Protein backbone atom coordinates (compact mmCIF):
# COMPACT_ATOMS: atom_id res chain seq x y z
CA MET A 1 -0.15 -0.33 -0.24
CA ASP A 2 0.92 3.71 -0.73
CA ARG A 3 1.90 5.69 2.41
CA ARG A 4 0.65 9.15 0.67
CA PRO A 5 -2.08 10.41 2.27
CA ILE A 6 -5.12 10.43 -1.09
CA ILE A 7 -7.72 11.92 1.69
CA GLU A 8 -6.15 14.26 5.07
CA THR A 9 -8.19 16.22 7.45
CA ARG A 10 -7.69 18.12 9.70
CA ASN A 11 -9.47 19.33 12.69
CA LEU A 12 -12.88 18.95 10.09
CA SER A 13 -15.79 20.50 11.56
CA LYS A 14 -19.41 20.99 10.89
CA THR A 15 -22.08 23.22 12.54
CA TYR A 16 -25.63 23.46 11.28
CA ARG A 17 -28.10 26.18 12.44
CA GLY A 18 -29.03 26.42 16.00
CA ASN A 19 -25.98 25.39 16.79
CA VAL A 20 -25.69 22.11 16.12
CA ARG A 21 -22.29 19.83 15.71
CA ALA A 22 -22.57 17.07 12.93
CA VAL A 23 -18.89 16.88 13.26
CA ARG A 24 -16.16 18.10 15.77
CA ASP A 25 -12.55 18.69 14.99
CA VAL A 26 -12.15 15.47 12.72
CA SER A 27 -8.58 14.88 11.88
CA LEU A 28 -8.12 11.73 9.78
CA SER A 29 -5.13 10.62 6.79
CA VAL A 30 -6.89 7.54 4.85
CA TYR A 31 -3.64 6.01 2.61
CA ALA A 32 -3.27 5.38 -1.15
CA GLY A 33 -4.73 1.86 -2.03
CA GLU A 34 -6.10 1.45 1.28
CA LEU A 35 -10.12 0.47 1.93
CA PHE A 36 -10.69 2.40 4.63
CA GLY A 37 -13.95 2.10 7.03
CA LEU A 38 -16.05 4.64 8.32
CA PHE A 39 -18.24 3.71 11.14
CA GLY A 40 -20.25 5.16 13.72
CA PRO A 41 -24.24 4.83 14.60
CA ASN A 42 -26.97 7.24 12.77
CA GLY A 43 -25.96 10.45 13.39
CA ALA A 44 -22.50 10.05 13.98
CA GLY A 45 -21.52 12.74 10.98
CA LYS A 46 -20.71 9.64 8.73
CA SER A 47 -22.57 10.88 5.65
CA THR A 48 -22.32 14.94 6.29
CA ILE A 49 -17.80 13.75 6.40
CA VAL A 50 -18.68 11.48 2.83
CA ARG A 51 -20.73 15.26 1.83
CA MET A 52 -17.68 18.11 2.82
CA LEU A 53 -15.41 15.93 1.16
CA SER A 54 -17.18 15.24 -1.84
CA THR A 55 -17.41 19.02 -1.85
CA LEU A 56 -21.82 18.70 -1.66
CA LEU A 57 -21.25 20.62 1.83
CA SER A 58 -19.09 23.39 3.09
CA PRO A 59 -17.18 22.38 6.57
CA SER A 60 -17.37 25.19 8.88
CA GLY A 61 -14.05 24.88 10.01
CA GLY A 62 -10.59 22.63 9.23
CA THR A 63 -9.38 21.81 5.79
CA ALA A 64 -9.84 18.59 3.43
CA VAL A 65 -7.77 17.52 1.13
CA VAL A 66 -8.58 15.24 -1.64
CA ASN A 67 -5.91 13.34 -3.78
CA GLY A 68 -3.94 16.67 -3.62
CA TYR A 69 -6.88 19.07 -4.26
CA ASP A 70 -8.30 21.55 -1.42
CA VAL A 71 -11.87 20.91 -0.84
CA MET A 72 -12.59 24.43 -0.88
CA GLN A 73 -10.49 25.56 -3.30
CA GLN A 74 -10.38 23.26 -6.09
CA GLU A 75 -13.98 21.76 -5.79
CA ILE A 76 -13.97 20.81 -9.55
CA GLN A 77 -10.43 18.80 -9.43
CA VAL A 78 -11.87 16.77 -6.52
CA ARG A 79 -14.92 15.63 -8.00
CA ALA A 80 -12.96 14.55 -10.71
CA SER A 81 -11.27 12.45 -8.74
CA ILE A 82 -14.16 10.46 -6.85
CA GLY A 83 -16.90 8.30 -7.44
CA LEU A 84 -19.58 8.50 -4.81
CA VAL A 85 -22.49 5.99 -4.19
CA THR A 86 -25.17 6.58 -1.63
CA ALA A 87 -27.74 4.73 -0.75
CA ASP A 88 -31.92 4.79 -2.19
CA GLU A 89 -29.81 7.06 -5.43
CA ARG A 90 -32.97 8.55 -7.39
CA SER A 91 -31.34 10.76 -10.22
CA PHE A 92 -31.29 7.88 -12.72
CA TYR A 93 -33.50 8.97 -15.83
CA GLY A 94 -35.88 5.98 -15.49
CA ARG A 95 -37.49 5.93 -18.91
CA LEU A 96 -33.49 6.22 -20.54
CA THR A 97 -31.71 2.82 -20.85
CA CYS A 98 -29.04 1.90 -18.95
CA ALA A 99 -26.14 2.67 -20.80
CA GLN A 100 -28.05 5.49 -22.10
CA ASN A 101 -27.86 7.37 -18.92
CA LEU A 102 -24.23 5.92 -18.41
CA HIS A 103 -23.39 7.67 -21.51
CA PHE A 104 -24.45 11.01 -20.20
CA TYR A 105 -22.78 11.09 -16.56
CA ALA A 106 -19.66 9.60 -19.03
CA ALA A 107 -20.49 13.30 -20.92
CA MET A 108 -20.49 14.92 -17.50
CA GLN A 109 -17.55 13.62 -16.11
CA ASN A 110 -15.65 14.37 -19.23
CA VAL A 111 -15.01 10.89 -20.63
CA PRO A 112 -13.73 12.09 -23.63
CA ARG A 113 -16.36 10.87 -26.33
CA ARG A 114 -14.65 7.56 -28.26
CA GLN A 115 -14.15 6.21 -24.94
CA ILE A 116 -17.40 6.41 -23.13
CA ALA A 117 -19.21 3.05 -25.42
CA GLY A 118 -16.05 1.17 -23.86
CA ARG A 119 -16.07 2.59 -20.38
CA THR A 120 -19.89 2.17 -20.19
CA GLN A 121 -19.46 -2.02 -21.39
CA ALA A 122 -16.46 -2.21 -18.85
CA VAL A 123 -18.50 -1.36 -15.71
CA LEU A 124 -21.43 -3.27 -16.57
CA GLU A 125 -19.54 -6.35 -17.40
CA LEU A 126 -17.90 -5.64 -13.90
CA PHE A 127 -21.51 -5.31 -11.74
CA GLY A 128 -22.92 -8.15 -13.87
CA LEU A 129 -25.53 -6.08 -15.72
CA THR A 130 -24.39 -6.20 -19.16
CA HIS A 131 -27.66 -8.08 -19.69
CA LYS A 132 -29.42 -4.50 -18.94
CA ALA A 133 -27.98 -2.40 -21.47
CA HIS A 134 -30.35 -1.57 -22.76
CA ALA A 135 -32.83 -2.14 -20.59
CA ARG A 136 -34.98 0.82 -19.40
CA VAL A 137 -33.76 2.13 -15.62
CA GLN A 138 -37.38 1.69 -14.48
CA SER A 139 -37.36 -1.78 -15.11
CA LEU A 140 -34.36 -2.47 -12.84
CA SER A 141 -34.94 -4.45 -9.09
CA THR A 142 -33.94 -2.12 -6.06
CA GLY A 143 -30.69 -4.10 -5.91
CA GLN A 144 -29.98 -3.89 -9.83
CA MET A 145 -30.46 0.10 -9.09
CA GLN A 146 -27.49 0.10 -6.50
CA ARG A 147 -25.29 -1.97 -8.67
CA LEU A 148 -25.88 0.18 -11.75
CA ASN A 149 -25.43 3.38 -9.39
CA MET A 150 -21.63 1.91 -8.39
CA ALA A 151 -21.08 1.70 -12.20
CA ARG A 152 -21.92 5.13 -12.61
CA ALA A 153 -19.36 6.33 -9.46
CA LEU A 154 -16.84 3.96 -11.73
CA ILE A 155 -17.34 5.81 -15.26
CA HIS A 156 -14.86 8.04 -15.60
CA ASP A 157 -12.85 5.48 -14.05
CA PRO A 158 -11.56 7.83 -10.19
CA PRO A 159 -8.72 7.05 -8.78
CA LEU A 160 -10.95 7.52 -5.54
CA LEU A 161 -14.48 5.99 -4.08
CA PHE A 162 -16.71 7.17 -1.77
CA LEU A 163 -19.73 4.10 -0.96
CA ASP A 164 -22.25 5.68 1.77
CA GLU A 165 -24.15 2.72 2.41
CA PRO A 166 -23.68 1.31 -0.88
CA THR A 167 -25.03 -2.60 -0.26
CA LYS A 168 -28.10 -1.30 2.11
CA SER A 169 -30.96 -2.11 -0.41
CA MET A 170 -29.03 -5.65 -1.53
CA ASP A 171 -29.75 -9.12 -0.86
CA VAL A 172 -26.98 -10.77 1.18
CA GLN A 173 -25.59 -12.92 -2.09
CA THR A 174 -25.80 -9.25 -3.66
CA SER A 175 -23.97 -7.73 -1.46
CA ASP A 176 -21.16 -10.74 -0.98
CA PHE A 177 -20.27 -10.07 -4.51
CA VAL A 178 -20.16 -6.27 -4.42
CA LYS A 179 -17.96 -6.37 -1.14
CA ALA A 180 -15.84 -9.11 -3.16
CA LEU A 181 -15.54 -7.06 -5.96
CA ILE A 182 -14.30 -4.04 -4.57
CA LYS A 183 -12.22 -4.90 -2.42
CA GLU A 184 -10.54 -8.25 -4.59
CA GLU A 185 -10.92 -6.06 -8.23
CA LEU A 186 -11.16 -2.29 -7.01
CA VAL A 187 -8.83 -2.01 -4.49
CA GLY A 188 -6.65 -5.47 -4.78
CA ARG A 189 -6.10 -5.35 -8.62
CA GLN A 190 -7.10 -1.61 -9.47
CA GLY A 191 -5.03 0.03 -6.62
CA LYS A 192 -8.36 1.89 -5.66
CA THR A 193 -8.82 3.68 -2.65
CA VAL A 194 -11.87 3.61 -1.17
CA LEU A 195 -13.65 4.95 1.71
CA PHE A 196 -17.00 2.41 3.01
CA ILE A 197 -19.60 4.14 5.13
CA SER A 198 -21.72 1.71 7.26
CA HIS A 199 -23.64 1.66 10.27
CA GLU A 200 -23.16 -2.02 10.40
CA LEU A 201 -20.76 -4.06 12.03
CA TYR A 202 -20.93 -6.63 10.32
CA GLU A 203 -19.98 -4.73 7.03
CA MET A 204 -16.71 -3.67 8.31
CA ASP A 205 -15.02 -6.76 10.38
CA ASN A 206 -12.92 -8.85 8.12
CA PHE A 207 -13.13 -6.39 4.64
CA CYS A 208 -11.66 -2.75 6.12
CA ASP A 209 -8.10 -2.17 6.30
CA ARG A 210 -8.81 0.33 8.79
CA VAL A 211 -11.53 1.71 10.51
CA VAL A 212 -12.38 4.92 12.34
CA ILE A 213 -15.10 5.07 15.24
CA LEU A 214 -17.32 7.90 15.29
CA ALA A 215 -19.24 9.00 17.96
CA GLU A 216 -21.60 12.17 18.14
CA GLY A 217 -19.57 13.91 15.26
CA GLN A 218 -16.17 12.96 17.08
CA VAL A 219 -13.21 10.30 16.52
CA GLN A 220 -13.24 8.04 18.75
CA ALA A 221 -10.52 5.39 17.50
CA VAL A 222 -9.15 4.60 14.62
CA GLY A 223 -6.61 1.66 13.49
CA THR A 224 -6.77 -1.67 11.67
CA PRO A 225 -9.67 -3.94 13.29
CA ALA A 226 -6.37 -5.72 15.08
CA GLU A 227 -4.59 -2.36 16.45
CA LEU A 228 -8.37 -1.43 17.60
CA GLY A 229 -8.30 -4.61 19.67
CA ALA A 230 -4.92 -4.79 21.26
CA LEU A 231 -6.01 -1.34 22.60
CA LEU A 232 -8.78 -3.10 24.58
CA PRO A 233 -8.49 -4.20 28.44
CA ARG A 234 -7.49 -7.51 28.61
CA ARG A 235 -10.22 -9.33 30.76
CA ALA A 236 -11.75 -12.83 29.32
CA VAL A 237 -14.78 -14.76 29.28
CA TYR A 238 -14.54 -18.23 28.89
CA ARG A 239 -17.28 -20.93 29.04
CA VAL A 240 -16.19 -24.10 30.57
CA VAL A 241 -17.94 -27.12 30.49
CA VAL A 242 -16.97 -29.14 33.42
CA GLU A 243 -17.86 -32.56 34.89
CA GLY A 244 -17.64 -33.35 38.82
CA ASP A 245 -18.89 -31.32 41.38
CA ALA A 246 -20.27 -28.46 39.94
CA ALA A 247 -20.62 -26.24 43.36
CA LEU A 248 -16.93 -27.52 44.59
CA ILE A 249 -15.80 -26.04 41.52
CA GLU A 250 -17.58 -22.82 41.81
CA ARG A 251 -16.14 -22.06 45.30
CA GLN A 252 -12.75 -23.21 44.21
CA TRP A 253 -12.74 -20.20 41.54
CA LEU A 254 -14.71 -17.48 43.27
CA ALA A 255 -12.25 -17.87 46.20
CA THR A 256 -9.24 -17.55 43.24
CA PRO A 257 -7.68 -14.19 42.43
CA GLY A 258 -7.79 -13.08 39.20
CA ILE A 259 -11.42 -14.72 38.37
CA GLU A 260 -13.79 -11.77 38.70
CA GLY A 261 -17.59 -13.46 38.08
CA VAL A 262 -19.04 -17.11 37.59
CA THR A 263 -22.12 -17.39 36.23
CA ALA A 264 -23.58 -21.13 35.65
CA VAL A 265 -25.29 -21.03 32.29
CA SER A 266 -26.68 -24.51 31.69
CA GLN A 267 -26.47 -27.68 33.31
CA GLY A 268 -27.04 -31.68 31.68
CA ALA A 269 -27.46 -35.04 33.64
CA ALA A 270 -23.45 -35.31 34.27
CA THR A 271 -21.81 -31.64 33.18
CA THR A 272 -22.44 -28.14 33.78
CA ALA A 273 -21.70 -25.51 31.30
CA PHE A 274 -20.16 -21.89 33.14
CA ASP A 275 -19.49 -18.61 31.70
CA VAL A 276 -15.82 -17.66 33.78
CA THR A 277 -14.63 -13.79 34.00
CA LEU A 278 -11.02 -13.63 33.93
CA ALA A 279 -9.57 -10.29 34.97
CA ASP A 280 -6.90 -11.64 32.44
CA GLU A 281 -6.17 -14.22 30.49
CA SER A 282 -3.04 -15.52 32.55
CA VAL A 283 -5.19 -16.55 34.86
CA TRP A 284 -6.41 -19.23 32.75
CA LEU A 285 -4.14 -21.46 34.68
CA ALA A 286 -6.09 -21.05 37.49
CA VAL A 287 -9.30 -22.02 36.20
CA MET A 288 -7.62 -25.26 35.45
CA GLN A 289 -6.31 -25.77 38.93
CA GLY A 290 -9.83 -24.93 40.69
CA VAL A 291 -11.14 -27.72 38.15
CA VAL A 292 -8.51 -30.06 39.58
CA GLU A 293 -9.10 -29.20 43.11
CA GLY A 294 -12.92 -29.80 43.34
CA ASN A 295 -12.21 -33.32 41.93
CA GLY A 296 -13.84 -32.35 38.41
CA ARG A 297 -12.87 -32.20 34.73
CA ILE A 298 -13.22 -29.98 31.51
CA GLU A 299 -14.69 -31.66 29.13
CA THR A 300 -14.43 -28.10 26.81
CA TYR A 301 -14.13 -25.12 26.86
CA ARG A 302 -14.11 -21.59 24.60
CA ARG A 303 -13.91 -18.18 24.88
CA VAL A 304 -17.49 -16.44 23.89
CA ASP A 305 -15.90 -12.70 24.00
CA ASP A 306 -13.33 -11.36 21.53
CA ALA A 307 -11.91 -8.73 19.56
CA SER A 308 -14.43 -8.27 17.36
CA LEU A 309 -15.62 -4.50 16.01
CA ARG A 310 -18.42 -4.80 18.38
CA ARG A 311 -16.76 -5.66 21.55
CA ILE A 312 -14.89 -2.14 20.00
CA VAL A 313 -16.87 -0.12 19.33
CA GLU A 314 -18.72 -1.02 22.97
CA HIS A 315 -15.71 -0.16 24.66
CA PHE A 316 -14.47 3.21 23.00
CA SER A 317 -17.98 5.19 22.70
CA GLY A 318 -18.88 4.33 26.12
CA GLY A 319 -21.65 1.70 24.83
């Protein structure tokens, strides 16, 4: 990955009438060729940031540079550098065909006339819409419309894509297809930079190179999922299934320093399942020792908390 920032913001802010601060002093660097996730609950400021980076909304303060261009001073160059996809897109001309719509938007993006047909064919093929080239847009399903929206964002072959909840209206199969195309083709093979915006955690985990977590318009944390996970407290919860005297084993655990809690989850004829909360993973040896001292045996165990984005967000946002 090129370590050159292709998006850089410094104290970027947006305040609406009534002193409503939608974005507060956001400073970020997104690198060329990166799949960067912008995550936060509804109202966190994600779409406002994208609108400012796209020159659709003027910042109230701070600076933003996109592909080397200032969003306040060089709007035309910024717009030529990006492809923007938003959920619930309604700007296509329904009575025109998919190809006719793409030809129109290619001309609007100053694609040379001799290249328009080739670019249209390429993006339709990329998103599995070749068979819909001569179909009227008004005949498309919601998922097909969103794929056409992504095709339009790529018609002028920009180095940057801003994808604001691009899979919102897609079924699971289509969503997986599009996400694989983004990661493997657009970022992996073509080297594009993608800013991927979502309020759904499953969209980000094991997908983005780095993620920024936003809450109330402010950056809470930024890093790879692994880096964010490493910042979490080392507390761990294990589901332990034991054979033997469950009450005695539980007493042994509760008397052990570093074991913060023990909860019986289920009980069978010969086994009992417990959730055991540890102050630190290093206490795990004491868990096993407690079972031995209680004249029992561990049948199975597994960690039931993890360093997924959900736990990371809950930690950094206080939720």
